[in-house]
């Protein structure tokens, strides 16, 4: 449960009442009470291809050259993938990742 500052409830065209509370970390949590319209929310995630090279554009490089060396996106995320697999990966999933081959988990009936 979040704790922190709260703002008074407000009314708008979509919901009867919407209350907002600010978490201790400064984030906002919205609670909708008595809504009359449903909505569909979807997230969009973007990340460049893992083989993309990140480097400063020429107009932003000073006379002494770039301040940082170019880096490949994979180099910035591979340790996170390894850390994730160390904790949550199945042995066959980990070996597939280490051998750079595709891995598809078997479907299990619950």
PDB file of N, CA and C in Angstrom:
ATOM      1  N   UNK A   1       0.832  -1.180   0.000  1.00  0.00           N
ATOM      2  CA  UNK A   1       0.000   0.000   0.000  1.00  0.00           C
ATOM      3  C   UNK A   1       0.878   1.245   0.000  1.00  0.00           C
ATOM      4  N   UNK A   2       0.522   2.199  -0.804  1.00  0.00           N
ATOM      5  CA  UNK A   2       1.273   3.440  -0.872  1.00  0.00           C
ATOM      6  C   UNK A   2       0.794   4.391   0.213  1.00  0.00           C
ATOM      7  N   UNK A   3       1.714   5.120   0.737  1.00  0.00           N
ATOM      8  CA  UNK A   3       1.357   6.154   1.698  1.00  0.00           C
ATOM      9  C   UNK A   3       1.939   7.457   1.216  1.00  0.00           C
ATOM     10  N   UNK A   4       1.445   8.538   1.713  1.00  0.00           N
ATOM     11  CA  UNK A   4       1.987   9.830   1.323  1.00  0.00           C
ATOM     12  C   UNK A   4       0.910  10.869   1.211  1.00  0.00           C
ATOM     13  N   UNK A   5       1.239  11.971   0.566  1.00  0.00           N
ATOM     14  CA  UNK A   5       0.280  13.069   0.416  1.00  0.00           C
ATOM     15  C   UNK A   5      -0.874  12.626  -0.464  1.00  0.00           C
ATOM     16  N   UNK A   6      -2.000  13.237  -0.267  1.00  0.00           N
ATOM     17  CA  UNK A   6      -3.120  12.947  -1.146  1.00  0.00           C
ATOM     18  C   UNK A   6      -3.741  14.257  -1.598  1.00  0.00           C
ATOM     19  N   UNK A   7      -4.417  14.199  -2.720  1.00  0.00           N
ATOM     20  CA  UNK A   7      -5.123  15.375  -3.205  1.00  0.00           C
ATOM     21  C   UNK A   7      -6.610  15.077  -3.124  1.00  0.00           C
ATOM     22  N   UNK A   8      -7.427  16.086  -3.064  1.00  0.00           N
ATOM     23  CA  UNK A   8      -8.863  15.834  -2.981  1.00  0.00           C
ATOM     24  C   UNK A   8      -9.363  15.116  -4.225  1.00  0.00           C
ATOM     25  N   UNK A   9     -10.456  14.442  -4.073  1.00  0.00           N
ATOM     26  CA  UNK A   9     -11.062  13.753  -5.220  1.00  0.00           C
ATOM     27  C   UNK A   9     -11.569  14.799  -6.204  1.00  0.00           C
ATOM     28  N   UNK A  10     -11.586  14.403  -7.459  1.00  0.00           N
ATOM     29  CA  UNK A  10     -12.079  15.314  -8.483  1.00  0.00           C
ATOM     30  C   UNK A  10     -13.029  14.554  -9.397  1.00  0.00           C
ATOM     31  N   UNK A  11     -13.819  15.269 -10.156  1.00  0.00           N
ATOM     32  CA  UNK A  11     -14.786  14.657 -11.052  1.00  0.00           C
ATOM     33  C   UNK A  11     -14.453  15.075 -12.476  1.00  0.00           C
ATOM     34  N   UNK A  12     -14.606  14.148 -13.418  1.00  0.00           N
ATOM     35  CA  UNK A  12     -14.392  14.510 -14.812  1.00  0.00           C
ATOM     36  C   UNK A  12     -15.416  13.782 -15.683  1.00  0.00           C
ATOM     37  N   UNK A  13     -15.344  13.967 -17.001  1.00  0.00           N
ATOM     38  CA  UNK A  13     -16.346  13.416 -17.909  1.00  0.00           C
ATOM     39  C   UNK A  13     -16.318  11.900 -17.980  1.00  0.00           C
ATOM     40  N   UNK A  14     -15.183  11.288 -17.696  1.00  0.00           N
ATOM     41  CA  UNK A  14     -15.063   9.844 -17.853  1.00  0.00           C
ATOM     42  C   UNK A  14     -15.434   9.110 -16.576  1.00  0.00           C
ATOM     43  N   UNK A  15     -15.076   9.637 -15.455  1.00  0.00           N
ATOM     44  CA  UNK A  15     -15.312   8.944 -14.195  1.00  0.00           C
ATOM     45  C   UNK A  15     -16.199   9.775 -13.302  1.00  0.00           C
ATOM     46  N   UNK A  16     -16.866   9.111 -12.390  1.00  0.00           N
ATOM     47  CA  UNK A  16     -17.653   9.844 -11.411  1.00  0.00           C
ATOM     48  C   UNK A  16     -16.707  10.531 -10.433  1.00  0.00           C
ATOM     49  N   UNK A  17     -15.730   9.780  -9.927  1.00  0.00           N
ATOM     50  CA  UNK A  17     -14.774  10.346  -8.982  1.00  0.00           C
ATOM     51  C   UNK A  17     -13.414   9.728  -9.220  1.00  0.00           C
ATOM     52  N   UNK A  18     -12.376  10.518  -9.212  1.00  0.00           N
ATOM     53  CA  UNK A  18     -11.014  10.015  -9.326  1.00  0.00           C
ATOM     54  C   UNK A  18     -10.197  10.658  -8.223  1.00  0.00           C
ATOM     55  N   UNK A  19      -9.503   9.850  -7.440  1.00  0.00           N
ATOM     56  CA  UNK A  19      -8.669  10.371  -6.361  1.00  0.00           C
ATOM     57  C   UNK A  19      -7.221  10.096  -6.707  1.00  0.00           C
ATOM     58  N   UNK A  20      -6.340  11.025  -6.377  1.00  0.00           N
ATOM     59  CA  UNK A  20      -4.912  10.826  -6.611  1.00  0.00           C
ATOM     60  C   UNK A  20      -4.188  10.889  -5.275  1.00  0.00           C
ATOM     61  N   UNK A  21      -3.208  10.020  -5.129  1.00  0.00           N
ATOM     62  CA  UNK A  21      -2.380  10.042  -3.933  1.00  0.00           C
ATOM     63  C   UNK A  21      -0.932  10.024  -4.364  1.00  0.00           C
ATOM     64  N   UNK A  22      -0.112  10.797  -3.694  1.00  0.00           N
ATOM     65  CA  UNK A  22       1.304  10.845  -4.009  1.00  0.00           C
ATOM     66  C   UNK A  22       2.044   9.885  -3.103  1.00  0.00           C
ATOM     67  N   UNK A  23       2.840   8.991  -3.700  1.00  0.00           N
ATOM     68  CA  UNK A  23       3.637   8.058  -2.928  1.00  0.00           C
ATOM     69  C   UNK A  23       4.833   8.757  -2.308  1.00  0.00           C
ATOM     70  N   UNK A  24       5.454   8.088  -1.362  1.00  0.00           N
ATOM     71  CA  UNK A  24       6.623   8.654  -0.687  1.00  0.00           C
ATOM     72  C   UNK A  24       7.744   8.949  -1.671  1.00  0.00           C
ATOM     73  N   UNK A  25       7.791   8.178  -2.781  1.00  0.00           N
ATOM     74  CA  UNK A  25       8.842   8.387  -3.769  1.00  0.00           C
ATOM     75  C   UNK A  25       8.480   9.458  -4.801  1.00  0.00           C
ATOM     76  N   UNK A  26       7.359  10.128  -4.620  1.00  0.00           N
ATOM     77  CA  UNK A  26       6.965  11.189  -5.535  1.00  0.00           C
ATOM     78  C   UNK A  26       6.097  10.716  -6.690  1.00  0.00           C
ATOM     79  N   UNK A  27       5.863   9.398  -6.801  1.00  0.00           N
ATOM     80  CA  UNK A  27       5.030   8.892  -7.888  1.00  0.00           C
ATOM     81  C   UNK A  27       3.555   9.119  -7.550  1.00  0.00           C
ATOM     82  N   UNK A  28       2.719   9.060  -8.588  1.00  0.00           N
ATOM     83  CA  UNK A  28       1.289   9.269  -8.383  1.00  0.00           C
ATOM     84  C   UNK A  28       0.537   7.974  -8.613  1.00  0.00           C
ATOM     85  N   UNK A  29      -0.463   7.733  -7.802  1.00  0.00           N
ATOM     86  CA  UNK A  29      -1.326   6.574  -7.944  1.00  0.00           C
ATOM     87  C   UNK A  29      -2.738   7.103  -8.106  1.00  0.00           C
ATOM     88  N   UNK A  30      -3.406   6.741  -9.178  1.00  0.00           N
ATOM     89  CA  UNK A  30      -4.771   7.197  -9.402  1.00  0.00           C
ATOM     90  C   UNK A  30      -5.744   6.083  -9.046  1.00  0.00           C
ATOM     91  N   UNK A  31      -6.787   6.427  -8.350  1.00  0.00           N
ATOM     92  CA  UNK A  31      -7.820   5.470  -7.981  1.00  0.00           C
ATOM     93  C   UNK A  31      -9.124   5.998  -8.541  1.00  0.00           C
ATOM     94  N   UNK A  32      -9.818   5.175  -9.326  1.00  0.00           N
ATOM     95  CA  UNK A  32     -11.069   5.597  -9.938  1.00  0.00           C
ATOM     96  C   UNK A  32     -12.207   4.918  -9.197  1.00  0.00           C
ATOM     97  N   UNK A  33     -13.163   5.719  -8.779  1.00  0.00           N
ATOM     98  CA  UNK A  33     -14.309   5.208  -8.038  1.00  0.00           C
ATOM     99  C   UNK A  33     -15.564   5.539  -8.821  1.00  0.00           C
ATOM    100  N   UNK A  34     -16.408   4.550  -9.067  1.00  0.00           N
ATOM    101  CA  UNK A  34     -17.691   4.803  -9.714  1.00  0.00           C
ATOM    102  C   UNK A  34     -17.575   5.210 -11.162  1.00  0.00           C
ATOM    103  N   UNK A  35     -16.587   4.688 -11.890  1.00  0.00           N
ATOM    104  CA  UNK A  35     -16.435   5.032 -13.295  1.00  0.00           C
ATOM    105  C   UNK A  35     -17.612   4.563 -14.125  1.00  0.00           C
ATOM    106  N   UNK A  36     -17.913   5.296 -15.171  1.00  0.00           N
ATOM    107  CA  UNK A  36     -19.036   4.931 -16.031  1.00  0.00           C
ATOM    108  C   UNK A  36     -18.572   4.468 -17.403  1.00  0.00           C
ATOM    109  N   UNK A  37     -17.299   4.624 -17.718  1.00  0.00           N
ATOM    110  CA  UNK A  37     -16.772   4.249 -19.016  1.00  0.00           C
ATOM    111  C   UNK A  37     -15.517   3.411 -18.800  1.00  0.00           C
ATOM    112  N   UNK A  38     -15.400   2.307 -19.537  1.00  0.00           N
ATOM    113  CA  UNK A  38     -14.174   1.516 -19.425  1.00  0.00           C
ATOM    114  C   UNK A  38     -13.190   1.985 -20.487  1.00  0.00           C
ATOM    115  N   UNK A  39     -11.932   1.674 -20.272  1.00  0.00           N
ATOM    116  CA  UNK A  39     -10.919   2.058 -21.246  1.00  0.00           C
ATOM    117  C   UNK A  39      -9.888   0.951 -21.349  1.00  0.00           C
ATOM    118  N   UNK A  40      -9.175   0.948 -22.430  1.00  0.00           N
ATOM    119  CA  UNK A  40      -8.114  -0.016 -22.660  1.00  0.00           C
ATOM    120  C   UNK A  40      -6.797   0.741 -22.662  1.00  0.00           C
ATOM    121  N   UNK A  41      -5.874   0.331 -21.825  1.00  0.00           N
ATOM    122  CA  UNK A  41      -4.559   0.952 -21.785  1.00  0.00           C
ATOM    123  C   UNK A  41      -3.540  -0.039 -22.311  1.00  0.00           C
ATOM    124  N   UNK A  42      -2.589   0.440 -23.055  1.00  0.00           N
ATOM    125  CA  UNK A  42      -1.531  -0.447 -23.522  1.00  0.00           C
ATOM    126  C   UNK A  42      -0.202   0.289 -23.438  1.00  0.00           C
ATOM    127  N   UNK A  43       0.806  -0.448 -23.032  1.00  0.00           N
ATOM    128  CA  UNK A  43       2.136   0.133 -22.931  1.00  0.00           C
ATOM    129  C   UNK A  43       2.873  -0.008 -24.250  1.00  0.00           C
ATOM    130  N   UNK A  44       3.784   0.898 -24.501  1.00  0.00           N
ATOM    131  CA  UNK A  44       4.619   0.799 -25.680  1.00  0.00           C
ATOM    132  C   UNK A  44       6.065   0.851 -25.204  1.00  0.00           C
ATOM    133  N   UNK A  45       6.824  -0.143 -25.587  1.00  0.00           N
ATOM    134  CA  UNK A  45       8.205  -0.213 -25.170  1.00  0.00           C
ATOM    135  C   UNK A  45       9.094  -0.069 -26.401  1.00  0.00           C
ATOM    136  N   UNK A  46      10.145   0.691 -26.271  1.00  0.00           N
ATOM    137  CA  UNK A  46      11.028   0.939 -27.399  1.00  0.00           C
ATOM    138  C   UNK A  46      12.453   0.726 -26.951  1.00  0.00           C
ATOM    139  N   UNK A  47      13.176   0.057 -27.777  1.00  0.00           N
ATOM    140  CA  UNK A  47      14.602  -0.119 -27.519  1.00  0.00           C
ATOM    141  C   UNK A  47      15.259  -0.340 -28.880  1.00  0.00           C
ATOM    142  N   UNK A  48      16.404   0.276 -29.120  1.00  0.00           N
ATOM    143  CA  UNK A  48      17.064   0.050 -30.414  1.00  0.00           C
ATOM    144  C   UNK A  48      17.548  -1.392 -30.525  1.00  0.00           C
ATOM    145  N   UNK A  49      17.803  -1.839 -31.747  1.00  0.00           N
ATOM    146  CA  UNK A  49      18.341  -3.192 -31.948  1.00  0.00           C
ATOM    147  C   UNK A  49      19.618  -3.357 -31.150  1.00  0.00           C
ATOM    148  N   UNK A  50      19.892  -4.570 -30.710  1.00  0.00           N
ATOM    149  CA  UNK A  50      21.054  -4.802 -29.856  1.00  0.00           C
ATOM    150  C   UNK A  50      22.378  -4.596 -30.591  1.00  0.00           C
ATOM    151  N   UNK A  51      22.358  -4.604 -31.915  1.00  0.00           N
ATOM    152  CA  UNK A  51      23.609  -4.387 -32.647  1.00  0.00           C
ATOM    153  C   UNK A  51      23.808  -2.920 -33.055  1.00  0.00           C
ATOM    154  N   UNK A  52      22.949  -2.028 -32.562  1.00  0.00           N
ATOM    155  CA  UNK A  52      23.060  -0.603 -32.872  1.00  0.00           C
ATOM    156  C   UNK A  52      24.252   0.010 -32.140  1.00  0.00           C
ATOM    157  N   UNK A  53      25.040   0.797 -32.864  1.00  0.00           N
ATOM    158  CA  UNK A  53      26.170   1.503 -32.261  1.00  0.00           C
ATOM    159  C   UNK A  53      25.692   2.892 -31.850  1.00  0.00           C
ATOM    160  N   UNK A  54      25.942   3.240 -30.593  1.00  0.00           N
ATOM    161  CA  UNK A  54      25.563   4.556 -30.084  1.00  0.00           C
ATOM    162  C   UNK A  54      26.826   5.416 -30.006  1.00  0.00           C
ATOM    163  N   UNK A  55      26.759   6.570 -30.659  1.00  0.00           N
ATOM    164  CA  UNK A  55      27.891   7.495 -30.651  1.00  0.00           C
ATOM    165  C   UNK A  55      27.370   8.900 -30.925  1.00  0.00           C
ATOM    166  N   UNK A  56      28.114   9.924 -30.549  1.00  0.00           N
ATOM    167  CA  UNK A  56      27.640  11.285 -30.774  1.00  0.00           C
ATOM    168  C   UNK A  56      27.567  11.613 -32.270  1.00  0.00           C
ATOM    169  N   UNK A  57      26.591  12.411 -32.624  1.00  0.00           N
ATOM    170  CA  UNK A  57      26.484  12.879 -34.005  1.00  0.00           C
ATOM    171  C   UNK A  57      27.584  13.902 -34.261  1.00  0.00           C
ATOM    172  N   UNK A  58      28.087  13.922 -35.483  1.00  0.00           N
ATOM    173  CA  UNK A  58      29.210  14.790 -35.856  1.00  0.00           C
ATOM    174  C   UNK A  58      29.030  16.256 -35.437  1.00  0.00           C
ATOM    175  N   UNK A  59      27.838  16.852 -35.606  1.00  0.00           N
ATOM    176  CA  UNK A  59      27.699  18.263 -35.225  1.00  0.00           C
ATOM    177  C   UNK A  59      27.897  18.511 -33.722  1.00  0.00           C
ATOM    178  N   UNK A  60      27.837  17.451 -32.929  1.00  0.00           N
ATOM    179  CA  UNK A  60      27.958  17.616 -31.479  1.00  0.00           C
ATOM    180  C   UNK A  60      29.322  17.202 -30.941  1.00  0.00           C
ATOM    181  N   UNK A  61      30.268  16.944 -31.843  1.00  0.00           N
ATOM    182  CA  UNK A  61      31.618  16.566 -31.432  1.00  0.00           C
ATOM    183  C   UNK A  61      32.512  17.793 -31.532  1.00  0.00           C
ATOM    184  N   UNK A  62      33.201  18.082 -30.432  1.00  0.00           N
ATOM    185  CA  UNK A  62      34.081  19.246 -30.391  1.00  0.00           C
ATOM    186  C   UNK A  62      35.386  18.999 -31.135  1.00  0.00           C
ATOM    187  N   UNK A  63      36.269  19.992 -31.180  1.00  0.00           N
ATOM    188  CA  UNK A  63      37.534  19.874 -31.907  1.00  0.00           C
ATOM    189  C   UNK A  63      38.460  18.802 -31.340  1.00  0.00           C
ATOM    190  N   UNK A  64      38.305  18.462 -30.070  1.00  0.00           N
ATOM    191  CA  UNK A  64      39.144  17.419 -29.473  1.00  0.00           C
ATOM    192  C   UNK A  64      38.595  16.009 -29.689  1.00  0.00           C
ATOM    193  N   UNK A  65      37.514  15.903 -30.425  1.00  0.00           N
ATOM    194  CA  UNK A  65      36.919  14.592 -30.668  1.00  0.00           C
ATOM    195  C   UNK A  65      35.821  14.279 -29.662  1.00  0.00           C
ATOM    196  N   UNK A  66      35.200  13.115 -29.808  1.00  0.00           N
ATOM    197  CA  UNK A  66      34.095  12.769 -28.906  1.00  0.00           C
ATOM    198  C   UNK A  66      34.582  12.562 -27.474  1.00  0.00           C
ATOM    199  N   UNK A  67      33.720  12.880 -26.539  1.00  0.00           N
ATOM    200  CA  UNK A  67      34.052  12.726 -25.125  1.00  0.00           C
ATOM    201  C   UNK A  67      34.000  11.256 -24.708  1.00  0.00           C
ATOM    202  N   UNK A  68      33.176  10.458 -25.400  1.00  0.00           N
ATOM    203  CA  UNK A  68      33.009   9.050 -25.062  1.00  0.00           C
ATOM    204  C   UNK A  68      33.238   8.187 -26.291  1.00  0.00           C
ATOM    205  N   UNK A  69      33.700   6.956 -26.075  1.00  0.00           N
ATOM    206  CA  UNK A  69      33.857   6.003 -27.166  1.00  0.00           C
ATOM    207  C   UNK A  69      32.491   5.478 -27.593  1.00  0.00           C
ATOM    208  N   UNK A  70      32.355   5.094 -28.874  1.00  0.00           N
ATOM    209  CA  UNK A  70      31.097   4.478 -29.306  1.00  0.00           C
ATOM    210  C   UNK A  70      30.851   3.189 -28.514  1.00  0.00           C
ATOM    211  N   UNK A  71      29.580   2.848 -28.337  1.00  0.00           N
ATOM    212  CA  UNK A  71      29.224   1.625 -27.613  1.00  0.00           C
ATOM    213  C   UNK A  71      28.085   0.933 -28.340  1.00  0.00           C
ATOM    214  N   UNK A  72      28.093  -0.377 -28.300  1.00  0.00           N
ATOM    215  CA  UNK A  72      27.027  -1.176 -28.902  1.00  0.00           C
ATOM    216  C   UNK A  72      25.949  -1.388 -27.836  1.00  0.00           C
ATOM    217  N   UNK A  73      24.679  -1.280 -28.221  1.00  0.00           N
ATOM    218  CA  UNK A  73      23.571  -1.411 -27.278  1.00  0.00           C
ATOM    219  C   UNK A  73      23.696  -2.701 -26.458  1.00  0.00           C
ATOM    220  N   UNK A  74      24.059  -3.799 -27.116  1.00  0.00           N
ATOM    221  CA  UNK A  74      24.171  -5.075 -26.410  1.00  0.00           C
ATOM    222  C   UNK A  74      25.121  -4.979 -25.214  1.00  0.00           C
ATOM    223  N   UNK A  75      26.194  -4.215 -25.362  1.00  0.00           N
ATOM    224  CA  UNK A  75      27.154  -4.078 -24.272  1.00  0.00           C
ATOM    225  C   UNK A  75      26.544  -3.392 -23.049  1.00  0.00           C
ATOM    226  N   UNK A  76      25.489  -2.616 -23.249  1.00  0.00           N
ATOM    227  CA  UNK A  76      24.861  -1.919 -22.128  1.00  0.00           C
ATOM    228  C   UNK A  76      23.802  -2.759 -21.429  1.00  0.00           C
ATOM    229  N   UNK A  77      23.315  -3.829 -22.070  1.00  0.00           N
ATOM    230  CA  UNK A  77      22.223  -4.612 -21.474  1.00  0.00           C
ATOM    231  C   UNK A  77      22.579  -6.060 -21.169  1.00  0.00           C
ATOM    232  N   UNK A  78      23.682  -6.572 -21.706  1.00  0.00           N
ATOM    233  CA  UNK A  78      23.965  -8.005 -21.570  1.00  0.00           C
ATOM    234  C   UNK A  78      24.127  -8.453 -20.124  1.00  0.00           C
ATOM    235  N   UNK A  79      24.709  -7.609 -19.275  1.00  0.00           N
ATOM    236  CA  UNK A  79      24.866  -8.003 -17.876  1.00  0.00           C
ATOM    237  C   UNK A  79      23.512  -8.125 -17.187  1.00  0.00           C
ATOM    238  N   UNK A  80      22.573  -7.271 -17.560  1.00  0.00           N
ATOM    239  CA  UNK A  80      21.216  -7.364 -17.004  1.00  0.00           C
ATOM    240  C   UNK A  80      20.540  -8.654 -17.413  1.00  0.00           C
ATOM    241  N   UNK A  81      20.730  -9.078 -18.671  1.00  0.00           N
ATOM    242  CA  UNK A  81      20.164 -10.351 -19.138  1.00  0.00           C
ATOM    243  C   UNK A  81      20.785 -11.496 -18.355  1.00  0.00           C
ATOM    244  N   UNK A  82      22.093 -11.476 -18.191  1.00  0.00           N
ATOM    245  CA  UNK A  82      22.775 -12.534 -17.442  1.00  0.00           C
ATOM    246  C   UNK A  82      22.298 -12.572 -15.996  1.00  0.00           C
ATOM    247  N   UNK A  83      22.204 -11.412 -15.362  1.00  0.00           N
ATOM    248  CA  UNK A  83      21.731 -11.360 -13.975  1.00  0.00           C
ATOM    249  C   UNK A  83      20.320 -11.924 -13.851  1.00  0.00           C
ATOM    250  N   UNK A  84      19.451 -11.589 -14.816  1.00  0.00           N
ATOM    251  CA  UNK A  84      18.078 -12.103 -14.811  1.00  0.00           C
ATOM    252  C   UNK A  84      18.078 -13.618 -14.937  1.00  0.00           C
ATOM    253  N   UNK A  85      18.847 -14.145 -15.896  1.00  0.00           N
ATOM    254  CA  UNK A  85      18.872 -15.587 -16.110  1.00  0.00           C
ATOM    255  C   UNK A  85      19.503 -16.323 -14.925  1.00  0.00           C
ATOM    256  N   UNK A  86      20.472 -15.706 -14.255  1.00  0.00           N
ATOM    257  CA  UNK A  86      21.066 -16.330 -13.067  1.00  0.00           C
ATOM    258  C   UNK A  86      20.015 -16.577 -11.995  1.00  0.00           C
ATOM    259  N   UNK A  87      19.036 -15.689 -11.901  1.00  0.00           N
ATOM    260  CA  UNK A  87      18.011 -15.811 -10.867  1.00  0.00           C
ATOM    261  C   UNK A  87      16.801 -16.610 -11.354  1.00  0.00           C
ATOM    262  N   UNK A  88      16.299 -16.301 -12.545  1.00  0.00           N
ATOM    263  CA  UNK A  88      15.027 -16.849 -12.998  1.00  0.00           C
ATOM    264  C   UNK A  88      15.126 -17.861 -14.134  1.00  0.00           C
ATOM    265  N   UNK A  89      16.278 -17.998 -14.770  1.00  0.00           N
ATOM    266  CA  UNK A  89      16.392 -18.834 -15.963  1.00  0.00           C
ATOM    267  C   UNK A  89      16.363 -20.322 -15.676  1.00  0.00           C
ATOM    268  N   UNK A  90      15.747 -21.072 -16.566  1.00  0.00           N
ATOM    269  CA  UNK A  90      15.781 -22.533 -16.512  1.00  0.00           C
ATOM    270  C   UNK A  90      17.121 -22.983 -17.085  1.00  0.00           C
ATOM    271  N   UNK A  91      17.648 -24.120 -16.646  1.00  0.00           N
ATOM    272  CA  UNK A  91      18.951 -24.569 -17.153  1.00  0.00           C
ATOM    273  C   UNK A  91      19.022 -24.622 -18.678  1.00  0.00           C
ATOM    274  N   UNK A  92      17.971 -25.142 -19.333  1.00  0.00           N
ATOM    275  CA  UNK A  92      17.997 -25.213 -20.797  1.00  0.00           C
ATOM    276  C   UNK A  92      17.893 -23.822 -21.429  1.00  0.00           C
ATOM    277  N   UNK A  93      17.236 -22.908 -20.753  1.00  0.00           N
ATOM    278  CA  UNK A  93      17.135 -21.535 -21.232  1.00  0.00           C
ATOM    279  C   UNK A  93      18.495 -20.840 -21.127  1.00  0.00           C
ATOM    280  N   UNK A  94      19.191 -21.049 -20.012  1.00  0.00           N
ATOM    281  CA  UNK A  94      20.508 -20.445 -19.809  1.00  0.00           C
ATOM    282  C   UNK A  94      21.501 -20.978 -20.837  1.00  0.00           C
ATOM    283  N   UNK A  95      21.496 -22.302 -21.067  1.00  0.00           N
ATOM    284  CA  UNK A  95      22.444 -22.857 -22.036  1.00  0.00           C
ATOM    285  C   UNK A  95      22.140 -22.362 -23.453  1.00  0.00           C
ATOM    286  N   UNK A  96      20.856 -22.200 -23.788  1.00  0.00           N
ATOM    287  CA  UNK A  96      20.504 -21.667 -25.110  1.00  0.00           C
ATOM    288  C   UNK A  96      21.039 -20.244 -25.256  1.00  0.00           C
ATOM    289  N   UNK A  97      20.914 -19.431 -24.200  1.00  0.00           N
ATOM    290  CA  UNK A  97      21.417 -18.053 -24.251  1.00  0.00           C
ATOM    291  C   UNK A  97      22.935 -18.050 -24.396  1.00  0.00           C
ATOM    292  N   UNK A  98      23.617 -18.909 -23.651  1.00  0.00           N
ATOM    293  CA  UNK A  98      25.076 -18.959 -23.712  1.00  0.00           C
ATOM    294  C   UNK A  98      25.572 -19.417 -25.085  1.00  0.00           C
ATOM    295  N   UNK A  99      24.776 -20.274 -25.749  1.00  0.00           N
ATOM    296  CA  UNK A  99      25.155 -20.792 -27.065  1.00  0.00           C
ATOM    297  C   UNK A  99      24.555 -19.976 -28.205  1.00  0.00           C
ATOM    298  N   UNK A 100      23.896 -18.870 -27.884  1.00  0.00           N
ATOM    299  CA  UNK A 100      23.286 -17.968 -28.877  1.00  0.00           C
ATOM    300  C   UNK A 100      22.318 -18.687 -29.800  1.00  0.00           C
ATOM    301  N   UNK A 101      21.483 -19.543 -29.214  1.00  0.00           N
ATOM    302  CA  UNK A 101      20.451 -20.206 -30.018  1.00  0.00           C
ATOM    303  C   UNK A 101      19.076 -19.896 -29.445  1.00  0.00           C
ATOM    304  N   UNK A 102      18.042 -19.969 -30.250  1.00  0.00           N
ATOM    305  CA  UNK A 102      16.692 -19.634 -29.775  1.00  0.00           C
ATOM    306  C   UNK A 102      16.237 -20.583 -28.669  1.00  0.00           C
ATOM    307  N   UNK A 103      15.387 -20.081 -27.808  1.00  0.00           N
ATOM    308  CA  UNK A 103      14.807 -20.895 -26.746  1.00  0.00           C
ATOM    309  C   UNK A 103      13.307 -20.629 -26.694  1.00  0.00           C
ATOM    310  N   UNK A 104      12.525 -21.728 -26.716  1.00  0.00           N
ATOM    311  CA  UNK A 104      11.075 -21.615 -26.578  1.00  0.00           C
ATOM    312  C   UNK A 104      10.671 -22.598 -25.489  1.00  0.00           C
ATOM    313  N   UNK A 105      10.044 -22.083 -24.441  1.00  0.00           N
ATOM    314  CA  UNK A 105       9.614 -22.927 -23.332  1.00  0.00           C
ATOM    315  C   UNK A 105       8.457 -23.811 -23.751  1.00  0.00           C
ATOM    316  N   UNK A 106       8.431 -25.011 -23.202  1.00  0.00           N
ATOM    317  CA  UNK A 106       7.320 -25.924 -23.459  1.00  0.00           C
ATOM    318  C   UNK A 106       6.062 -25.409 -22.794  1.00  0.00           C
ATOM    319  N   UNK A 107       4.904 -25.636 -23.427  1.00  0.00           N
ATOM    320  CA  UNK A 107       3.635 -25.239 -22.858  1.00  0.00           C
ATOM    321  C   UNK A 107       3.194 -26.314 -21.881  1.00  0.00           C
ATOM    322  N   UNK A 108       2.813 -25.900 -20.683  1.00  0.00           N
ATOM    323  CA  UNK A 108       2.417 -26.846 -19.637  1.00  0.00           C
ATOM    324  C   UNK A 108       0.985 -26.581 -19.269  1.00  0.00           C
ATOM    325  N   UNK A 109       0.156 -27.634 -19.226  1.00  0.00           N
ATOM    326  CA  UNK A 109      -1.230 -27.480 -18.781  1.00  0.00           C
ATOM    327  C   UNK A 109      -1.259 -27.302 -17.273  1.00  0.00           C
ATOM    328  N   UNK A 110      -2.033 -26.357 -16.821  1.00  0.00           N
ATOM    329  CA  UNK A 110      -2.110 -26.101 -15.368  1.00  0.00           C
ATOM    330  C   UNK A 110      -3.219 -26.897 -14.738  1.00  0.00           C
TER     331      UNK A 110
END
